[in-house]
Amino acid sequence: MDLISWVKDRLIERTTWDGGVCVALGFLVLFMAPLAKIVAGAAIVYGAWTIWKGE
């Protein structure tokens, strides 16, 4: 069995898609964690500003 056939066979399996999603989410969390801290800080500042400002 060659590599292309093996990949095609795997792409139709649900577990391959589940594994791919898990790997993608893992990389997303791993590489986006520093950005998440910046976004969280901005959310805190904006939330405090909206509380302070009033309507």
N, C-alpha and C. Protein backbone atom coordinates (compact mmCIF):
# COMPACT_ATOMS: atom_id res chain seq x y z
N MET A 1 0.85 -1.18 0.00
CA MET A 1 0.00 0.00 0.00
C MET A 1 0.89 1.24 0.00
N ASP A 2 0.65 2.13 -0.90
CA ASP A 2 1.47 3.33 -0.96
C ASP A 2 0.90 4.42 -0.04
N LEU A 3 1.64 5.44 0.13
CA LEU A 3 1.30 6.51 1.08
C LEU A 3 0.01 7.24 0.70
N ILE A 4 -0.18 7.50 -0.58
CA ILE A 4 -1.38 8.23 -1.02
C ILE A 4 -2.64 7.42 -0.73
N SER A 5 -2.61 6.13 -0.98
CA SER A 5 -3.75 5.28 -0.67
C SER A 5 -4.02 5.24 0.83
N TRP A 6 -2.97 5.17 1.61
CA TRP A 6 -3.12 5.14 3.07
C TRP A 6 -3.78 6.42 3.56
N VAL A 7 -3.33 7.57 3.06
CA VAL A 7 -3.91 8.86 3.47
C VAL A 7 -5.37 8.94 3.04
N LYS A 8 -5.69 8.53 1.83
CA LYS A 8 -7.07 8.56 1.35
C LYS A 8 -7.97 7.66 2.20
N ASP A 9 -7.46 6.50 2.59
CA ASP A 9 -8.23 5.59 3.44
C ASP A 9 -8.49 6.20 4.81
N ARG A 10 -7.51 6.92 5.34
CA ARG A 10 -7.67 7.51 6.67
C ARG A 10 -8.61 8.71 6.67
N LEU A 11 -8.65 9.45 5.57
CA LEU A 11 -9.47 10.66 5.52
C LEU A 11 -10.97 10.38 5.61
N ILE A 12 -11.38 9.17 5.29
CA ILE A 12 -12.81 8.87 5.38
C ILE A 12 -13.21 8.35 6.77
N GLU A 13 -12.26 8.14 7.65
CA GLU A 13 -12.56 7.66 9.00
C GLU A 13 -12.85 8.82 9.94
N ARG A 14 -13.87 8.65 10.78
CA ARG A 14 -14.23 9.68 11.75
C ARG A 14 -13.13 9.91 12.76
N THR A 15 -12.45 8.87 13.18
CA THR A 15 -11.41 9.02 14.20
C THR A 15 -10.24 9.85 13.69
N THR A 16 -9.98 9.82 12.39
CA THR A 16 -8.93 10.67 11.83
C THR A 16 -9.30 12.13 11.98
N TRP A 17 -10.57 12.46 11.71
CA TRP A 17 -11.02 13.85 11.86
C TRP A 17 -10.99 14.26 13.33
N ASP A 18 -11.40 13.36 14.23
CA ASP A 18 -11.35 13.67 15.67
C ASP A 18 -9.92 13.96 16.10
N GLY A 19 -9.00 13.12 15.67
CA GLY A 19 -7.60 13.32 16.02
C GLY A 19 -7.04 14.60 15.43
N GLY A 20 -7.42 14.90 14.20
CA GLY A 20 -6.96 16.14 13.57
C GLY A 20 -7.45 17.37 14.30
N VAL A 21 -8.70 17.33 14.75
CA VAL A 21 -9.24 18.46 15.52
C VAL A 21 -8.50 18.61 16.84
N CYS A 22 -8.23 17.51 17.51
CA CYS A 22 -7.50 17.58 18.78
C CYS A 22 -6.09 18.14 18.59
N VAL A 23 -5.41 17.70 17.56
CA VAL A 23 -4.06 18.21 17.29
C VAL A 23 -4.11 19.70 16.97
N ALA A 24 -5.07 20.11 16.14
CA ALA A 24 -5.20 21.53 15.78
C ALA A 24 -5.50 22.38 17.01
N LEU A 25 -6.40 21.93 17.87
CA LEU A 25 -6.71 22.68 19.09
C LEU A 25 -5.50 22.75 20.01
N GLY A 26 -4.74 21.67 20.09
CA GLY A 26 -3.53 21.68 20.90
C GLY A 26 -2.53 22.71 20.42
N PHE A 27 -2.31 22.76 19.11
CA PHE A 27 -1.39 23.77 18.56
C PHE A 27 -1.94 25.18 18.77
N LEU A 28 -3.25 25.34 18.62
CA LEU A 28 -3.86 26.65 18.80
C LEU A 28 -3.64 27.15 20.22
N VAL A 29 -3.88 26.31 21.21
CA VAL A 29 -3.67 26.70 22.60
C VAL A 29 -2.20 26.95 22.87
N LEU A 30 -1.34 26.09 22.35
CA LEU A 30 0.09 26.21 22.59
C LEU A 30 0.66 27.51 22.06
N PHE A 31 0.30 27.87 20.84
CA PHE A 31 0.89 29.04 20.21
C PHE A 31 0.12 30.33 20.43
N MET A 32 -1.14 30.24 20.82
CA MET A 32 -1.93 31.45 21.01
C MET A 32 -2.04 31.86 22.48
N ALA A 33 -1.44 31.11 23.39
CA ALA A 33 -1.52 31.43 24.82
C ALA A 33 -1.00 32.83 25.13
N PRO A 34 0.13 33.27 24.59
CA PRO A 34 0.57 34.65 24.87
C PRO A 34 -0.43 35.69 24.38
N LEU A 35 -1.03 35.45 23.23
CA LEU A 35 -2.04 36.38 22.71
C LEU A 35 -3.27 36.39 23.60
N ALA A 36 -3.62 35.25 24.18
CA ALA A 36 -4.79 35.18 25.05
C ALA A 36 -4.61 36.07 26.27
N LYS A 37 -3.41 36.18 26.80
CA LYS A 37 -3.16 37.05 27.95
C LYS A 37 -3.35 38.52 27.57
N ILE A 38 -2.93 38.88 26.38
CA ILE A 38 -3.12 40.26 25.92
C ILE A 38 -4.60 40.56 25.74
N VAL A 39 -5.34 39.63 25.13
CA VAL A 39 -6.77 39.81 24.92
C VAL A 39 -7.50 39.87 26.26
N ALA A 40 -7.11 39.03 27.22
CA ALA A 40 -7.73 39.07 28.54
C ALA A 40 -7.47 40.40 29.22
N GLY A 41 -6.26 40.92 29.12
CA GLY A 41 -5.95 42.22 29.70
C GLY A 41 -6.78 43.32 29.08
N ALA A 42 -6.93 43.29 27.76
CA ALA A 42 -7.76 44.29 27.08
C ALA A 42 -9.21 44.18 27.51
N ALA A 43 -9.70 42.97 27.70
CA ALA A 43 -11.08 42.77 28.15
C ALA A 43 -11.29 43.33 29.55
N ILE A 44 -10.31 43.14 30.43
CA ILE A 44 -10.40 43.68 31.79
C ILE A 44 -10.41 45.20 31.76
N VAL A 45 -9.53 45.78 30.98
CA VAL A 45 -9.47 47.25 30.88
C VAL A 45 -10.78 47.79 30.31
N TYR A 46 -11.29 47.17 29.25
CA TYR A 46 -12.54 47.63 28.64
C TYR A 46 -13.71 47.47 29.62
N GLY A 47 -13.75 46.35 30.32
CA GLY A 47 -14.81 46.13 31.31
C GLY A 47 -14.76 47.16 32.42
N ALA A 48 -13.58 47.46 32.91
CA ALA A 48 -13.43 48.48 33.96
C ALA A 48 -13.85 49.84 33.43
N TRP A 49 -13.48 50.15 32.19
CA TRP A 49 -13.86 51.43 31.58
C TRP A 49 -15.38 51.56 31.46
N THR A 50 -16.06 50.49 31.05
CA THR A 50 -17.51 50.57 30.91
C THR A 50 -18.20 50.68 32.26
N ILE A 51 -17.64 50.09 33.30
CA ILE A 51 -18.19 50.25 34.65
C ILE A 51 -17.99 51.68 35.11
N TRP A 52 -16.83 52.23 34.89
CA TRP A 52 -16.50 53.59 35.33
C TRP A 52 -17.31 54.65 34.59
N LYS A 53 -17.46 54.46 33.29
CA LYS A 53 -18.09 55.46 32.43
C LYS A 53 -19.59 55.60 32.71
N GLY A 54 -20.30 54.53 32.92
CA GLY A 54 -21.75 54.59 33.10
C GLY A 54 -22.45 54.80 31.77
N GLU A 55 -23.78 55.00 31.84
CA GLU A 55 -24.55 55.14 30.60
C GLU A 55 -24.70 56.54 30.22
